[in-house]
Protein backbone atom coordinates (compact mmCIF):
# COMPACT_ATOMS: atom_id res chain seq x y z
CA MET A 1 82.20 99.58 114.09
CA ASP A 2 84.49 96.48 115.26
CA LYS A 3 83.09 94.78 111.97
CA ALA A 4 83.66 97.78 109.93
CA VAL A 5 87.40 98.33 111.30
CA SER A 6 88.07 94.30 111.24
CA GLU A 7 87.00 94.43 107.19
CA ILE A 8 89.39 97.13 106.70
CA ASN A 9 92.40 95.76 108.46
CA ARG A 10 91.56 92.36 106.16
CA ARG A 11 90.97 93.96 102.93
CA PHE A 12 93.99 96.81 103.30
CA SER A 13 97.62 95.91 104.18
CA SER A 14 99.04 97.89 107.14
CA GLU A 15 101.01 99.99 104.61
CA SER A 16 98.23 100.71 102.79
CA GLN A 17 96.56 101.89 106.20
CA SER A 18 99.28 104.35 106.89
CA VAL A 19 99.08 105.66 103.24
CA LEU A 20 95.25 106.67 103.68
CA LYS A 21 96.07 107.72 107.04
CA GLY A 22 98.78 110.25 105.24
CA ILE A 23 95.83 111.30 102.69
CA CYS A 24 93.40 111.92 105.59
CA VAL A 25 95.63 114.36 107.69
CA LEU A 26 96.10 116.32 104.69
CA ALA A 27 92.84 117.41 104.93
CA PRO A 28 92.74 121.03 107.56
CA VAL A 29 89.44 119.12 109.30
CA SER A 30 91.23 116.44 110.39
CA PRO A 31 92.60 116.87 114.41
CA ASP A 32 96.44 115.53 113.06
CA PHE A 33 96.49 118.26 109.96
CA LEU A 34 99.89 118.13 108.66
CA ASN A 35 101.20 115.77 111.18
CA PHE A 36 104.75 114.77 109.62
CA GLU A 37 104.71 111.11 111.27
CA MET A 38 101.33 110.31 109.82
CA ILE A 39 102.26 111.52 106.12
CA ARG A 40 105.73 110.03 105.90
CA PRO A 41 104.48 106.51 104.68
CA LEU A 42 102.72 108.48 101.76
CA ALA A 43 105.79 110.34 100.91
CA GLU A 44 108.21 107.76 101.47
CA LYS A 45 105.37 105.51 99.24
CA TYR A 46 105.31 108.38 96.51
CA LYS A 47 109.01 109.27 96.66
CA ALA A 48 109.02 112.88 98.19
CA ASN A 49 112.20 114.16 99.90
CA VAL A 50 111.15 113.45 103.26
CA GLU A 51 114.00 116.03 104.99
CA ASP A 52 112.09 118.88 102.62
CA LEU A 53 108.55 117.59 103.36
CA GLN A 54 109.24 118.05 107.33
CA LEU A 55 110.85 121.66 107.05
CA GLU A 56 107.94 122.63 104.38
CA LEU A 57 105.07 121.37 106.94
CA ARG A 58 106.40 123.14 109.78
CA GLN A 59 107.03 126.51 107.88
CA LEU A 60 103.25 125.56 106.27
CA LYS A 61 101.75 125.77 109.80
CA ARG A 62 103.58 128.40 111.16
CA MET A 63 102.16 130.43 108.23
CA MET A 64 98.59 128.87 108.47
CA ASP A 65 98.73 129.82 112.32
CA HIS A 66 99.84 133.64 111.15
CA ARG A 67 97.07 133.80 108.62
CA ILE A 68 94.67 132.90 111.23
CA GLU A 69 95.33 135.48 113.32
CA ASP A 70 95.55 137.95 110.91
CA GLY A 71 92.22 137.11 110.06
CA THR A 72 93.60 136.02 106.21
CA VAL A 73 93.22 132.16 105.65
CA LEU A 74 90.73 130.44 103.91
CA ASP A 75 87.99 128.89 105.39
CA PHE A 76 87.69 125.29 103.73
CA PRO A 77 84.30 123.64 103.21
CA LYS A 78 84.12 120.47 105.06
CA GLU A 79 82.81 118.81 101.64
CA THR A 80 85.78 119.53 99.91
CA VAL A 81 88.34 120.71 101.78
CA LEU A 82 91.16 118.78 100.37
CA LEU A 83 90.21 120.31 96.90
CA ASP A 84 90.01 123.55 98.58
CA PHE A 85 93.37 122.57 100.33
CA CYS A 86 94.80 121.61 96.80
CA ALA A 87 94.29 124.95 95.71
CA PHE A 88 95.47 126.92 98.45
CA ILE A 89 98.68 125.08 98.51
CA GLY A 90 99.08 125.61 94.77
CA GLN A 91 99.31 129.34 95.13
CA TYR A 92 102.36 128.60 96.76
CA LYS A 93 103.84 125.63 95.09
CA ASP A 94 107.38 126.55 94.80
CA ALA A 95 108.00 127.32 98.50
CA PHE A 96 106.25 123.92 99.41
CA TYR A 97 107.19 121.74 96.29
CA GLU A 98 106.93 118.20 98.38
CA THR A 99 103.94 119.16 100.11
CA GLU A 100 101.67 120.40 97.11
CA ASN A 101 102.98 116.99 94.89
CA LEU A 102 101.23 114.94 98.08
CA VAL A 103 98.08 117.13 98.09
CA THR A 104 98.04 116.61 94.61
CA ILE A 105 98.45 113.23 94.66
CA ALA A 106 95.56 112.77 97.88
CA CYS A 107 93.28 114.71 95.75
CA THR A 108 93.45 112.39 92.79
CA MET A 109 93.46 109.38 94.91
CA SER A 110 90.44 110.49 96.92
């Protein structure tokens, strides 16, 4: 494991690693799902409005919590979780414009 981590550190800059971490936390299975501070480097790299993004992420988390409570949230299969989340967020792209753009970028890159 240490060898793998060392190889990643050697091949990717810290900026690239931060962008990759931002992509990872856009997947609902991530323990840091929608963590703004982890998504920020990705957002800055792709010129997203970070102030709007921060507000969107807070509201999106609340919306998903309410949908979990009332049983209407989608169950995202682990093997397609980012693509399924992309389809889900696409339904709300007017309300979550910055988030939807970043999720689309993440799907394209992965």
